[in-house]
Amino acid sequence: MSAIDPKKDWSVHGLGEREMKARIKSHTAMRDKARERMINNEIPEAFLSPEFRMWVKNNPNAQWLKGPGPGMLIDQAERHFDGARRATYHGNTVQKLKKQQQLNKQIKLRNKIKKITRGY
């Protein structure tokens, strides 16, 4: 491949209409599942408040801090951000597929018009 050849987006390159429809459907389902996970793992506002930070500062020997509490909170935050990242990725893939699908329809229509008007 030379330097002047356009780079191909392999998420949409070479797919037929049927494959695009199937991928749009599956990526939409994955996006929705990731959004649901993101929403279900949202950190409660109470843990983000200044009062909670002050409580942690004033009670360093609290059982919640010595036990699995902070680790569980961090894991929940990681699941929340991971869900958001995956939802964005799958949403962008759906948009690329829909855009390519529309472009393919325009190309087909243009070729049909060329074929009809070829003799004139």
PDB file of N, CA and C in Angstrom:
ATOM      1  N   MET A   1       0.853  -1.170   0.000  1.00  0.00           N
ATOM      2  CA  MET A   1       0.000   0.000   0.000  1.00  0.00           C
ATOM      3  C   MET A   1       0.899   1.233   0.000  1.00  0.00           C
ATOM      4  N   SER A   2       0.671   2.077  -0.939  1.00  0.00           N
ATOM      5  CA  SER A   2       1.498   3.277  -1.001  1.00  0.00           C
ATOM      6  C   SER A   2       0.949   4.348  -0.054  1.00  0.00           C
ATOM      7  N   ALA A   3       1.712   5.396   0.082  1.00  0.00           N
ATOM      8  CA  ALA A   3       1.334   6.453   1.026  1.00  0.00           C
ATOM      9  C   ALA A   3       0.130   7.254   0.557  1.00  0.00           C
ATOM     10  N   ILE A   4      -0.152   7.249  -0.747  1.00  0.00           N
ATOM     11  CA  ILE A   4      -1.268   8.054  -1.237  1.00  0.00           C
ATOM     12  C   ILE A   4      -2.590   7.304  -1.226  1.00  0.00           C
ATOM     13  N   ASP A   5      -2.555   5.989  -1.008  1.00  0.00           N
ATOM     14  CA  ASP A   5      -3.799   5.231  -0.930  1.00  0.00           C
ATOM     15  C   ASP A   5      -4.558   5.629   0.330  1.00  0.00           C
ATOM     16  N   PRO A   6      -5.890   5.768   0.231  1.00  0.00           N
ATOM     17  CA  PRO A   6      -6.648   6.130   1.426  1.00  0.00           C
ATOM     18  C   PRO A   6      -6.672   4.973   2.415  1.00  0.00           C
ATOM     19  N   LYS A   7      -6.643   5.300   3.698  1.00  0.00           N
ATOM     20  CA  LYS A   7      -6.748   4.261   4.717  1.00  0.00           C
ATOM     21  C   LYS A   7      -8.188   3.780   4.759  1.00  0.00           C
ATOM     22  N   LYS A   8      -8.341   2.493   4.921  1.00  0.00           N
ATOM     23  CA  LYS A   8      -9.684   1.925   4.986  1.00  0.00           C
ATOM     24  C   LYS A   8     -10.112   1.802   6.448  1.00  0.00           C
ATOM     25  N   ASP A   9     -11.371   2.101   6.697  1.00  0.00           N
ATOM     26  CA  ASP A   9     -11.941   1.903   8.019  1.00  0.00           C
ATOM     27  C   ASP A   9     -12.485   0.475   8.033  1.00  0.00           C
ATOM     28  N   TRP A  10     -11.791  -0.427   8.686  1.00  0.00           N
ATOM     29  CA  TRP A  10     -12.126  -1.838   8.606  1.00  0.00           C
ATOM     30  C   TRP A  10     -13.399  -2.189   9.360  1.00  0.00           C
ATOM     31  N   SER A  11     -13.966  -1.251  10.106  1.00  0.00           N
ATOM     32  CA  SER A  11     -15.236  -1.544  10.771  1.00  0.00           C
ATOM     33  C   SER A  11     -16.393  -1.479   9.777  1.00  0.00           C
ATOM     34  N   VAL A  12     -16.194  -0.829   8.617  1.00  0.00           N
ATOM     35  CA  VAL A  12     -17.269  -0.737   7.621  1.00  0.00           C
ATOM     36  C   VAL A  12     -16.828  -1.197   6.232  1.00  0.00           C
ATOM     37  N   HIS A  13     -15.542  -1.342   5.991  1.00  0.00           N
ATOM     38  CA  HIS A  13     -15.063  -1.645   4.644  1.00  0.00           C
ATOM     39  C   HIS A  13     -15.417  -3.071   4.237  1.00  0.00           C
ATOM     40  N   GLY A  14     -15.971  -3.213   3.059  1.00  0.00           N
ATOM     41  CA  GLY A  14     -16.245  -4.531   2.498  1.00  0.00           C
ATOM     42  C   GLY A  14     -17.486  -5.212   3.027  1.00  0.00           C
ATOM     43  N   LEU A  15     -18.317  -4.535   3.769  1.00  0.00           N
ATOM     44  CA  LEU A  15     -19.523  -5.148   4.299  1.00  0.00           C
ATOM     45  C   LEU A  15     -20.685  -4.954   3.334  1.00  0.00           C
ATOM     46  N   GLY A  16     -21.482  -5.988   3.190  1.00  0.00           N
ATOM     47  CA  GLY A  16     -22.691  -5.872   2.403  1.00  0.00           C
ATOM     48  C   GLY A  16     -23.806  -5.267   3.226  1.00  0.00           C
ATOM     49  N   GLU A  17     -24.935  -5.046   2.578  1.00  0.00           N
ATOM     50  CA  GLU A  17     -26.060  -4.406   3.265  1.00  0.00           C
ATOM     51  C   GLU A  17     -26.578  -5.266   4.419  1.00  0.00           C
ATOM     52  N   ARG A  18     -26.647  -6.561   4.193  1.00  0.00           N
ATOM     53  CA  ARG A  18     -27.150  -7.465   5.231  1.00  0.00           C
ATOM     54  C   ARG A  18     -26.220  -7.486   6.449  1.00  0.00           C
ATOM     55  N   GLU A  19     -24.916  -7.534   6.176  1.00  0.00           N
ATOM     56  CA  GLU A  19     -23.960  -7.536   7.288  1.00  0.00           C
ATOM     57  C   GLU A  19     -24.011  -6.223   8.070  1.00  0.00           C
ATOM     58  N   MET A  20     -24.192  -5.113   7.343  1.00  0.00           N
ATOM     59  CA  MET A  20     -24.277  -3.820   8.025  1.00  0.00           C
ATOM     60  C   MET A  20     -25.499  -3.761   8.930  1.00  0.00           C
ATOM     61  N   LYS A  21     -26.632  -4.248   8.429  1.00  0.00           N
ATOM     62  CA  LYS A  21     -27.842  -4.235   9.255  1.00  0.00           C
ATOM     63  C   LYS A  21     -27.653  -5.079  10.503  1.00  0.00           C
ATOM     64  N   ALA A  22     -27.003  -6.248  10.345  1.00  0.00           N
ATOM     65  CA  ALA A  22     -26.776  -7.121  11.492  1.00  0.00           C
ATOM     66  C   ALA A  22     -25.827  -6.469  12.490  1.00  0.00           C
ATOM     67  N   ARG A  23     -24.782  -5.824  12.000  1.00  0.00           N
ATOM     68  CA  ARG A  23     -23.834  -5.172  12.909  1.00  0.00           C
ATOM     69  C   ARG A  23     -24.450  -3.964  13.593  1.00  0.00           C
ATOM     70  N   ILE A  24     -25.275  -3.218  12.870  1.00  0.00           N
ATOM     71  CA  ILE A  24     -25.967  -2.079  13.490  1.00  0.00           C
ATOM     72  C   ILE A  24     -26.832  -2.576  14.638  1.00  0.00           C
ATOM     73  N   LYS A  25     -27.547  -3.673  14.400  1.00  0.00           N
ATOM     74  CA  LYS A  25     -28.424  -4.221  15.433  1.00  0.00           C
ATOM     75  C   LYS A  25     -27.613  -4.699  16.640  1.00  0.00           C
ATOM     76  N   SER A  26     -26.513  -5.415  16.398  1.00  0.00           N
ATOM     77  CA  SER A  26     -25.739  -5.953  17.513  1.00  0.00           C
ATOM     78  C   SER A  26     -25.007  -4.843  18.273  1.00  0.00           C
ATOM     79  N   HIS A  27     -24.442  -3.862  17.556  1.00  0.00           N
ATOM     80  CA  HIS A  27     -23.747  -2.773  18.240  1.00  0.00           C
ATOM     81  C   HIS A  27     -24.725  -1.886  19.003  1.00  0.00           C
ATOM     82  N   THR A  28     -25.942  -1.743  18.502  1.00  0.00           N
ATOM     83  CA  THR A  28     -26.954  -0.982  19.234  1.00  0.00           C
ATOM     84  C   THR A  28     -27.308  -1.698  20.535  1.00  0.00           C
ATOM     85  N   ALA A  29     -27.442  -3.025  20.463  1.00  0.00           N
ATOM     86  CA  ALA A  29     -27.743  -3.796  21.676  1.00  0.00           C
ATOM     87  C   ALA A  29     -26.593  -3.705  22.675  1.00  0.00           C
ATOM     88  N   MET A  30     -25.352  -3.786  22.184  1.00  0.00           N
ATOM     89  CA  MET A  30     -24.201  -3.680  23.081  1.00  0.00           C
ATOM     90  C   MET A  30     -24.105  -2.287  23.694  1.00  0.00           C
ATOM     91  N   ARG A  31     -24.426  -1.249  22.892  1.00  0.00           N
ATOM     92  CA  ARG A  31     -24.408   0.122  23.406  1.00  0.00           C
ATOM     93  C   ARG A  31     -25.444   0.290  24.516  1.00  0.00           C
ATOM     94  N   ASP A  32     -26.649  -0.252  24.290  1.00  0.00           N
ATOM     95  CA  ASP A  32     -27.704  -0.128  25.293  1.00  0.00           C
ATOM     96  C   ASP A  32     -27.349  -0.872  26.579  1.00  0.00           C
ATOM     97  N   LYS A  33     -26.726  -2.045  26.427  1.00  0.00           N
ATOM     98  CA  LYS A  33     -26.317  -2.812  27.604  1.00  0.00           C
ATOM     99  C   LYS A  33     -25.225  -2.064  28.378  1.00  0.00           C
ATOM    100  N   ALA A  34     -24.298  -1.448  27.666  1.00  0.00           N
ATOM    101  CA  ALA A  34     -23.231  -0.684  28.328  1.00  0.00           C
ATOM    102  C   ALA A  34     -23.799   0.546  29.031  1.00  0.00           C
ATOM    103  N   ARG A  35     -24.773   1.210  28.398  1.00  0.00           N
ATOM    104  CA  ARG A  35     -25.405   2.369  29.045  1.00  0.00           C
ATOM    105  C   ARG A  35     -26.126   1.957  30.325  1.00  0.00           C
ATOM    106  N   GLU A  36     -26.801   0.810  30.273  1.00  0.00           N
ATOM    107  CA  GLU A  36     -27.515   0.319  31.452  1.00  0.00           C
ATOM    108  C   GLU A  36     -26.527   0.014  32.579  1.00  0.00           C
ATOM    109  N   ARG A  37     -25.401  -0.598  32.221  1.00  0.00           N
ATOM    110  CA  ARG A  37     -24.384  -0.892  33.234  1.00  0.00           C
ATOM    111  C   ARG A  37     -23.815   0.398  33.823  1.00  0.00           C
ATOM    112  N   MET A  38     -23.621   1.386  32.968  1.00  0.00           N
ATOM    113  CA  MET A  38     -23.099   2.670  33.428  1.00  0.00           C
ATOM    114  C   MET A  38     -24.059   3.308  34.437  1.00  0.00           C
ATOM    115  N   ILE A  39     -25.344   3.290  34.112  1.00  0.00           N
ATOM    116  CA  ILE A  39     -26.349   3.897  34.982  1.00  0.00           C
ATOM    117  C   ILE A  39     -26.483   3.125  36.294  1.00  0.00           C
ATOM    118  N   ASN A  40     -26.441   1.787  36.212  1.00  0.00           N
ATOM    119  CA  ASN A  40     -26.594   0.972  37.419  1.00  0.00           C
ATOM    120  C   ASN A  40     -25.412   1.097  38.362  1.00  0.00           C
ATOM    121  N   ASN A  41     -24.242   1.449  37.856  1.00  0.00           N
ATOM    122  CA  ASN A  41     -23.050   1.540  38.690  1.00  0.00           C
ATOM    123  C   ASN A  41     -22.646   2.974  38.995  1.00  0.00           C
ATOM    124  N   GLU A  42     -23.567   3.892  38.860  1.00  0.00           N
ATOM    125  CA  GLU A  42     -23.256   5.284  39.160  1.00  0.00           C
ATOM    126  C   GLU A  42     -22.994   5.439  40.663  1.00  0.00           C
ATOM    127  N   ILE A  43     -22.008   6.241  40.980  1.00  0.00           N
ATOM    128  CA  ILE A  43     -21.642   6.464  42.377  1.00  0.00           C
ATOM    129  C   ILE A  43     -22.701   7.371  43.023  1.00  0.00           C
ATOM    130  N   PRO A  44     -23.238   6.975  44.180  1.00  0.00           N
ATOM    131  CA  PRO A  44     -24.211   7.834  44.854  1.00  0.00           C
ATOM    132  C   PRO A  44     -23.609   9.186  45.232  1.00  0.00           C
ATOM    133  N   GLU A  45     -24.427  10.205  45.195  1.00  0.00           N
ATOM    134  CA  GLU A  45     -23.972  11.568  45.478  1.00  0.00           C
ATOM    135  C   GLU A  45     -23.401  11.711  46.892  1.00  0.00           C
ATOM    136  N   ALA A  46     -23.866  10.872  47.812  1.00  0.00           N
ATOM    137  CA  ALA A  46     -23.405  10.984  49.192  1.00  0.00           C
ATOM    138  C   ALA A  46     -21.896  10.738  49.308  1.00  0.00           C
ATOM    139  N   PHE A  47     -21.355   9.875  48.453  1.00  0.00           N
ATOM    140  CA  PHE A  47     -19.927   9.584  48.511  1.00  0.00           C
ATOM    141  C   PHE A  47     -19.083  10.687  47.881  1.00  0.00           C
ATOM    142  N   LEU A  48     -19.703  11.576  47.145  1.00  0.00           N
ATOM    143  CA  LEU A  48     -18.971  12.659  46.493  1.00  0.00           C
ATOM    144  C   LEU A  48     -19.058  13.971  47.269  1.00  0.00           C
ATOM    145  N   SER A  49     -19.787  13.969  48.362  1.00  0.00           N
ATOM    146  CA  SER A  49     -20.031  15.212  49.102  1.00  0.00           C
ATOM    147  C   SER A  49     -18.834  15.581  49.985  1.00  0.00           C
ATOM    148  N   PRO A  50     -18.710  16.859  50.298  1.00  0.00           N
ATOM    149  CA  PRO A  50     -17.651  17.281  51.229  1.00  0.00           C
ATOM    150  C   PRO A  50     -17.830  16.704  52.633  1.00  0.00           C
ATOM    151  N   GLU A  51     -19.081  16.442  53.034  1.00  0.00           N
ATOM    152  CA  GLU A  51     -19.331  15.864  54.351  1.00  0.00           C
ATOM    153  C   GLU A  51     -18.719  14.472  54.465  1.00  0.00           C
ATOM    154  N   PHE A  52     -18.845  13.672  53.386  1.00  0.00           N
ATOM    155  CA  PHE A  52     -18.259  12.328  53.414  1.00  0.00           C
ATOM    156  C   PHE A  52     -16.736  12.408  53.468  1.00  0.00           C
ATOM    157  N   ARG A  53     -16.158  13.329  52.737  1.00  0.00           N
ATOM    158  CA  ARG A  53     -14.699  13.496  52.770  1.00  0.00           C
ATOM    159  C   ARG A  53     -14.237  13.894  54.174  1.00  0.00           C
ATOM    160  N   MET A  54     -15.001  14.762  54.802  1.00  0.00           N
ATOM    161  CA  MET A  54     -14.661  15.185  56.160  1.00  0.00           C
ATOM    162  C   MET A  54     -14.808  14.015  57.128  1.00  0.00           C
ATOM    163  N   TRP A  55     -15.850  13.194  56.946  1.00  0.00           N
ATOM    164  CA  TRP A  55     -16.049  12.018  57.800  1.00  0.00           C
ATOM    165  C   TRP A  55     -14.873  11.057  57.670  1.00  0.00           C
ATOM    166  N   VAL A  56     -14.403  10.829  56.426  1.00  0.00           N
ATOM    167  CA  VAL A  56     -13.261   9.944  56.204  1.00  0.00           C
ATOM    168  C   VAL A  56     -12.020  10.507  56.881  1.00  0.00           C
ATOM    169  N   LYS A  57     -11.834  11.807  56.781  1.00  0.00           N
ATOM    170  CA  LYS A  57     -10.672  12.459  57.401  1.00  0.00           C
ATOM    171  C   LYS A  57     -10.720  12.365  58.930  1.00  0.00           C
ATOM    172  N   ASN A  58     -11.914  12.514  59.499  1.00  0.00           N
ATOM    173  CA  ASN A  58     -12.072  12.506  60.960  1.00  0.00           C
ATOM    174  C   ASN A  58     -12.125  11.099  61.546  1.00  0.00           C
ATOM    175  N   ASN A  59     -12.438  10.085  60.736  1.00  0.00           N
ATOM    176  CA  ASN A  59     -12.581   8.706  61.232  1.00  0.00           C
ATOM    177  C   ASN A  59     -11.668   7.751  60.454  1.00  0.00           C
ATOM    178  N   PRO A  60     -10.372   7.895  60.592  1.00  0.00           N
ATOM    179  CA  PRO A  60      -9.477   7.038  59.797  1.00  0.00           C
ATOM    180  C   PRO A  60      -9.508   5.577  60.220  1.00  0.00           C
ATOM    181  N   ASN A  61      -9.991   5.278  61.428  1.00  0.00           N
ATOM    182  CA  ASN A  61     -10.027   3.891  61.902  1.00  0.00           C
ATOM    183  C   ASN A  61     -11.412   3.269  61.777  1.00  0.00           C
ATOM    184  N   ALA A  62     -12.283   3.874  61.011  1.00  0.00           N
ATOM    185  CA  ALA A  62     -13.645   3.357  60.863  1.00  0.00           C
ATOM    186  C   ALA A  62     -13.611   1.975  60.200  1.00  0.00           C
ATOM    187  N   GLN A  63     -14.563   1.129  60.606  1.00  0.00           N
ATOM    188  CA  GLN A  63     -14.620  -0.241  60.082  1.00  0.00           C
ATOM    189  C   GLN A  63     -14.824  -0.250  58.562  1.00  0.00           C
ATOM    190  N   TRP A  64     -15.608   0.678  58.062  1.00  0.00           N
ATOM    191  CA  TRP A  64     -15.861   0.737  56.610  1.00  0.00           C
ATOM    192  C   TRP A  64     -14.572   1.009  55.847  1.00  0.00           C
ATOM    193  N   LEU A  65     -13.712   1.875  56.406  1.00  0.00           N
ATOM    194  CA  LEU A  65     -12.451   2.198  55.737  1.00  0.00           C
ATOM    195  C   LEU A  65     -11.440   1.069  55.856  1.00  0.00           C
ATOM    196  N   LYS A  66     -11.462   0.321  56.953  1.00  0.00           N
ATOM    197  CA  LYS A  66     -10.533  -0.793  57.138  1.00  0.00           C
ATOM    198  C   LYS A  66     -10.957  -2.007  56.314  1.00  0.00           C
ATOM    199  N   GLY A  67     -12.257  -2.137  56.085  1.00  0.00           N
ATOM    200  CA  GLY A  67     -12.775  -3.292  55.366  1.00  0.00           C
ATOM    201  C   GLY A  67     -12.779  -3.071  53.854  1.00  0.00           C
ATOM    202  N   PRO A  68     -13.704  -3.725  53.201  1.00  0.00           N
ATOM    203  CA  PRO A  68     -13.737  -3.661  51.734  1.00  0.00           C
ATOM    204  C   PRO A  68     -14.443  -2.428  51.177  1.00  0.00           C
ATOM    205  N   GLY A  69     -14.870  -1.495  52.008  1.00  0.00           N
ATOM    206  CA  GLY A  69     -15.658  -0.337  51.570  1.00  0.00           C
ATOM    207  C   GLY A  69     -15.025   0.475  50.456  1.00  0.00           C
ATOM    208  N   PRO A  70     -13.812   1.014  50.649  1.00  0.00           N
ATOM    209  CA  PRO A  70     -13.216   1.836  49.593  1.00  0.00           C
ATOM    210  C   PRO A  70     -12.938   1.046  48.307  1.00  0.00           C
ATOM    211  N   GLY A  71     -12.535  -0.200  48.475  1.00  0.00           N
ATOM    212  CA  GLY A  71     -12.275  -1.029  47.294  1.00  0.00           C
ATOM    213  C   GLY A  71     -13.534  -1.263  46.480  1.00  0.00           C
ATOM    214  N   MET A  72     -14.644  -1.499  47.197  1.00  0.00           N
ATOM    215  CA  MET A  72     -15.919  -1.708  46.503  1.00  0.00           C
ATOM    216  C   MET A  72     -16.350  -0.429  45.788  1.00  0.00           C
ATOM    217  N   LEU A  73     -16.124   0.702  46.424  1.00  0.00           N
ATOM    218  CA  LEU A  73     -16.487   1.982  45.817  1.00  0.00           C
ATOM    219  C   LEU A  73     -15.650   2.251  44.558  1.00  0.00           C
ATOM    220  N   ILE A  74     -14.373   1.932  44.634  1.00  0.00           N
ATOM    221  CA  ILE A  74     -13.494   2.105  43.463  1.00  0.00           C
ATOM    222  C   ILE A  74     -13.902   1.168  42.333  1.00  0.00           C
ATOM    223  N   ASP A  75     -14.223  -0.084  42.674  1.00  0.00           N
ATOM    224  CA  ASP A  75     -14.660  -1.039  41.651  1.00  0.00           C
ATOM    225  C   ASP A  75     -15.944  -0.561  40.978  1.00  0.00           C
ATOM    226  N   GLN A  76     -16.858  -0.015  41.762  1.00  0.00           N
ATOM    227  CA  GLN A  76     -18.111   0.490  41.198  1.00  0.00           C
ATOM    228  C   GLN A  76     -17.841   1.663  40.266  1.00  0.00           C
ATOM    229  N   ALA A  77     -16.930   2.549  40.651  1.00  0.00           N
ATOM    230  CA  ALA A  77     -16.587   3.688  39.791  1.00  0.00           C
ATOM    231  C   ALA A  77     -15.935   3.209  38.501  1.00  0.00           C
ATOM    232  N   GLU A  78     -15.079   2.192  38.591  1.00  0.00           N
ATOM    233  CA  GLU A  78     -14.446   1.649  37.385  1.00  0.00           C
ATOM    234  C   GLU A  78     -15.478   1.032  36.453  1.00  0.00           C
ATOM    235  N   ARG A  79     -16.443   0.302  37.020  1.00  0.00           N
ATOM    236  CA  ARG A  79     -17.506  -0.278  36.184  1.00  0.00           C
ATOM    237  C   ARG A  79     -18.328   0.819  35.515  1.00  0.00           C
ATOM    238  N   HIS A  80     -18.577   1.906  36.241  1.00  0.00           N
ATOM    239  CA  HIS A  80     -19.337   3.026  35.686  1.00  0.00           C
ATOM    240  C   HIS A  80     -18.600   3.648  34.504  1.00  0.00           C
ATOM    241  N   PHE A  81     -17.312   3.951  34.679  1.00  0.00           N
ATOM    242  CA  PHE A  81     -16.549   4.588  33.605  1.00  0.00           C
ATOM    243  C   PHE A  81     -16.298   3.629  32.447  1.00  0.00           C
ATOM    244  N   ASP A  82     -16.126   2.342  32.736  1.00  0.00           N
ATOM    245  CA  ASP A  82     -15.950   1.354  31.677  1.00  0.00           C
ATOM    246  C   ASP A  82     -17.229   1.248  30.844  1.00  0.00           C
ATOM    247  N   GLY A  83     -18.375   1.277  31.506  1.00  0.00           N
ATOM    248  CA  GLY A  83     -19.648   1.248  30.780  1.00  0.00           C
ATOM    249  C   GLY A  83     -19.816   2.461  29.882  1.00  0.00           C
ATOM    250  N   ALA A  84     -19.410   3.628  30.386  1.00  0.00           N
ATOM    251  CA  ALA A  84     -19.506   4.853  29.589  1.00  0.00           C
ATOM    252  C   ALA A  84     -18.587   4.778  28.365  1.00  0.00           C
ATOM    253  N   ARG A  85     -17.376   4.274  28.563  1.00  0.00           N
ATOM    254  CA  ARG A  85     -16.419   4.150  27.451  1.00  0.00           C
ATOM    255  C   ARG A  85     -16.944   3.175  26.388  1.00  0.00           C
ATOM    256  N   ARG A  86     -17.468   2.034  26.841  1.00  0.00           N
ATOM    257  CA  ARG A  86     -17.973   1.046  25.887  1.00  0.00           C
ATOM    258  C   ARG A  86     -19.215   1.562  25.166  1.00  0.00           C
ATOM    259  N   ALA A  87     -20.083   2.280  25.869  1.00  0.00           N
ATOM    260  CA  ALA A  87     -21.278   2.834  25.231  1.00  0.00           C
ATOM    261  C   ALA A  87     -20.883   3.834  24.147  1.00  0.00           C
ATOM    262  N   THR A  88     -19.881   4.646  24.420  1.00  0.00           N
ATOM    263  CA  THR A  88     -19.410   5.622  23.430  1.00  0.00           C
ATOM    264  C   THR A  88     -18.826   4.913  22.218  1.00  0.00           C
ATOM    265  N   TYR A  89     -18.007   3.887  22.454  1.00  0.00           N
ATOM    266  CA  TYR A  89     -17.377   3.151  21.358  1.00  0.00           C
ATOM    267  C   TYR A  89     -18.426   2.501  20.454  1.00  0.00           C
ATOM    268  N   HIS A  90     -19.368   1.793  21.063  1.00  0.00           N
ATOM    269  CA  HIS A  90     -20.388   1.106  20.264  1.00  0.00           C
ATOM    270  C   HIS A  90     -21.324   2.103  19.580  1.00  0.00           C
ATOM    271  N   GLY A  91     -21.612   3.216  20.248  1.00  0.00           N
ATOM    272  CA  GLY A  91     -22.438   4.250  19.615  1.00  0.00           C
ATOM    273  C   GLY A  91     -21.749   4.843  18.391  1.00  0.00           C
ATOM    274  N   ASN A  92     -20.441   5.099  18.500  1.00  0.00           N
ATOM    275  CA  ASN A  92     -19.704   5.627  17.350  1.00  0.00           C
ATOM    276  C   ASN A  92     -19.657   4.627  16.203  1.00  0.00           C
ATOM    277  N   THR A  93     -19.537   3.344  16.528  1.00  0.00           N
ATOM    278  CA  THR A  93     -19.528   2.316  15.487  1.00  0.00           C
ATOM    279  C   THR A  93     -20.871   2.263  14.774  1.00  0.00           C
ATOM    280  N   VAL A  94     -21.953   2.384  15.521  1.00  0.00           N
ATOM    281  CA  VAL A  94     -23.290   2.401  14.909  1.00  0.00           C
ATOM    282  C   VAL A  94     -23.414   3.589  13.954  1.00  0.00           C
ATOM    283  N   GLN A  95     -22.923   4.754  14.374  1.00  0.00           N
ATOM    284  CA  GLN A  95     -22.994   5.939  13.518  1.00  0.00           C
ATOM    285  C   GLN A  95     -22.187   5.752  12.237  1.00  0.00           C
ATOM    286  N   LYS A  96     -20.985   5.148  12.350  1.00  0.00           N
ATOM    287  CA  LYS A  96     -20.165   4.896  11.163  1.00  0.00           C
ATOM    288  C   LYS A  96     -20.866   3.941  10.206  1.00  0.00           C
ATOM    289  N   LEU A  97     -21.472   2.891  10.760  1.00  0.00           N
ATOM    290  CA  LEU A  97     -22.169   1.914   9.920  1.00  0.00           C
ATOM    291  C   LEU A  97     -23.362   2.544   9.217  1.00  0.00           C
ATOM    292  N   LYS A  98     -24.129   3.349   9.933  1.00  0.00           N
ATOM    293  CA  LYS A  98     -25.285   4.007   9.318  1.00  0.00           C
ATOM    294  C   LYS A  98     -24.853   4.982   8.232  1.00  0.00           C
ATOM    295  N   LYS A  99     -23.768   5.706   8.478  1.00  0.00           N
ATOM    296  CA  LYS A  99     -23.258   6.651   7.485  1.00  0.00           C
ATOM    297  C   LYS A  99     -22.797   5.912   6.225  1.00  0.00           C
ATOM    298  N   GLN A 100     -22.081   4.802   6.409  1.00  0.00           N
ATOM    299  CA  GLN A 100     -21.618   4.016   5.262  1.00  0.00           C
ATOM    300  C   GLN A 100     -22.796   3.385   4.526  1.00  0.00           C
ATOM    301  N   GLN A 101     -23.792   2.951   5.252  1.00  0.00           N
ATOM    302  CA  GLN A 101     -24.986   2.372   4.638  1.00  0.00           C
ATOM    303  C   GLN A 101     -25.698   3.411   3.769  1.00  0.00           C
ATOM    304  N   GLN A 102     -25.813   4.628   4.261  1.00  0.00           N
ATOM    305  CA  GLN A 102     -26.427   5.710   3.493  1.00  0.00           C
ATOM    306  C   GLN A 102     -25.595   6.029   2.251  1.00  0.00           C
ATOM    307  N   LEU A 103     -24.282   6.046   2.407  1.00  0.00           N
ATOM    308  CA  LEU A 103     -23.390   6.306   1.281  1.00  0.00           C
ATOM    309  C   LEU A 103     -23.536   5.225   0.212  1.00  0.00           C
ATOM    310  N   ASN A 104     -23.634   3.971   0.646  1.00  0.00           N
ATOM    311  CA  ASN A 104     -23.820   2.874  -0.316  1.00  0.00           C
ATOM    312  C   ASN A 104     -25.139   3.011  -1.067  1.00  0.00           C
ATOM    313  N   LYS A 105     -26.194   3.441  -0.380  1.00  0.00           N
ATOM    314  CA  LYS A 105     -27.480   3.653  -1.049  1.00  0.00           C
ATOM    315  C   LYS A 105     -27.376   4.756  -2.096  1.00  0.00           C
ATOM    316  N   GLN A 106     -26.653   5.838  -1.758  1.00  0.00           N
ATOM    317  CA  GLN A 106     -26.465   6.925  -2.721  1.00  0.00           C
ATOM    318  C   GLN A 106     -25.671   6.460  -3.936  1.00  0.00           C
ATOM    319  N   ILE A 107     -24.653   5.645  -3.721  1.00  0.00           N
ATOM    320  CA  ILE A 107     -23.840   5.129  -4.835  1.00  0.00           C
ATOM    321  C   ILE A 107     -24.684   4.251  -5.731  1.00  0.00           C
ATOM    322  N   LYS A 108     -25.494   3.367  -5.154  1.00  0.00           N
ATOM    323  CA  LYS A 108     -26.373   2.510  -5.954  1.00  0.00           C
ATOM    324  C   LYS A 108     -27.357   3.339  -6.778  1.00  0.00           C
ATOM    325  N   LEU A 109     -27.940   4.357  -6.151  1.00  0.00           N
ATOM    326  CA  LEU A 109     -28.892   5.208  -6.852  1.00  0.00           C
ATOM    327  C   LEU A 109     -28.207   5.958  -7.990  1.00  0.00           C
ATOM    328  N   ARG A 110     -27.008   6.473  -7.736  1.00  0.00           N
ATOM    329  CA  ARG A 110     -26.265   7.186  -8.767  1.00  0.00           C
ATOM    330  C   ARG A 110     -25.938   6.254  -9.938  1.00  0.00           C
ATOM    331  N   ASN A 111     -25.564   5.018  -9.633  1.00  0.00           N
ATOM    332  CA  ASN A 111     -25.259   4.066 -10.706  1.00  0.00           C
ATOM    333  C   ASN A 111     -26.503   3.696 -11.506  1.00  0.00           C
ATOM    334  N   LYS A 112     -27.650   3.591 -10.841  1.00  0.00           N
ATOM    335  CA  LYS A 112     -28.897   3.305 -11.558  1.00  0.00           C
ATOM    336  C   LYS A 112     -29.252   4.462 -12.496  1.00  0.00           C
ATOM    337  N   ILE A 113     -29.081   5.692 -12.008  1.00  0.00           N
ATOM    338  CA  ILE A 113     -29.371   6.870 -12.841  1.00  0.00           C
ATOM    339  C   ILE A 113     -28.432   6.921 -14.031  1.00  0.00           C
ATOM    340  N   LYS A 114     -27.154   6.610 -13.821  1.00  0.00           N
ATOM    341  CA  LYS A 114     -26.186   6.585 -14.926  1.00  0.00           C
ATOM    342  C   LYS A 114     -26.579   5.543 -15.968  1.00  0.00           C
ATOM    343  N   LYS A 115     -27.034   4.387 -15.496  1.00  0.00           N
ATOM    344  CA  LYS A 115     -27.418   3.311 -16.394  1.00  0.00           C
ATOM    345  C   LYS A 115     -28.636   3.703 -17.227  1.00  0.00           C
ATOM    346  N   ILE A 116     -29.593   4.381 -16.599  1.00  0.00           N
ATOM    347  CA  ILE A 116     -30.808   4.801 -17.316  1.00  0.00           C
ATOM    348  C   ILE A 116     -30.484   5.879 -18.339  1.00  0.00           C
ATOM    349  N   THR A 117     -29.642   6.830 -17.969  1.00  0.00           N
ATOM    350  CA  THR A 117     -29.367   7.973 -18.854  1.00  0.00           C
ATOM    351  C   THR A 117     -28.143   7.777 -19.757  1.00  0.00           C
ATOM    352  N   ARG A 118     -27.614   6.589 -19.811  1.00  0.00           N
ATOM    353  CA  ARG A 118     -26.394   6.333 -20.561  1.00  0.00           C
ATOM    354  C   ARG A 118     -26.559   6.602 -22.056  1.00  0.00           C
ATOM    355  N   GLY A 119     -27.679   6.253 -22.633  1.00  0.00           N
ATOM    356  CA  GLY A 119     -27.872   6.378 -24.079  1.00  0.00           C
ATOM    357  C   GLY A 119     -28.238   7.775 -24.542  1.00  0.00           C
ATOM    358  N   TYR A 120     -28.443   8.698 -23.633  1.00  0.00           N
ATOM    359  CA  TYR A 120     -28.939  10.014 -24.037  1.00  0.00           C
ATOM    360  C   TYR A 120     -27.874  11.054 -24.019  1.00  0.00           C
TER     361      TYR A 120
END
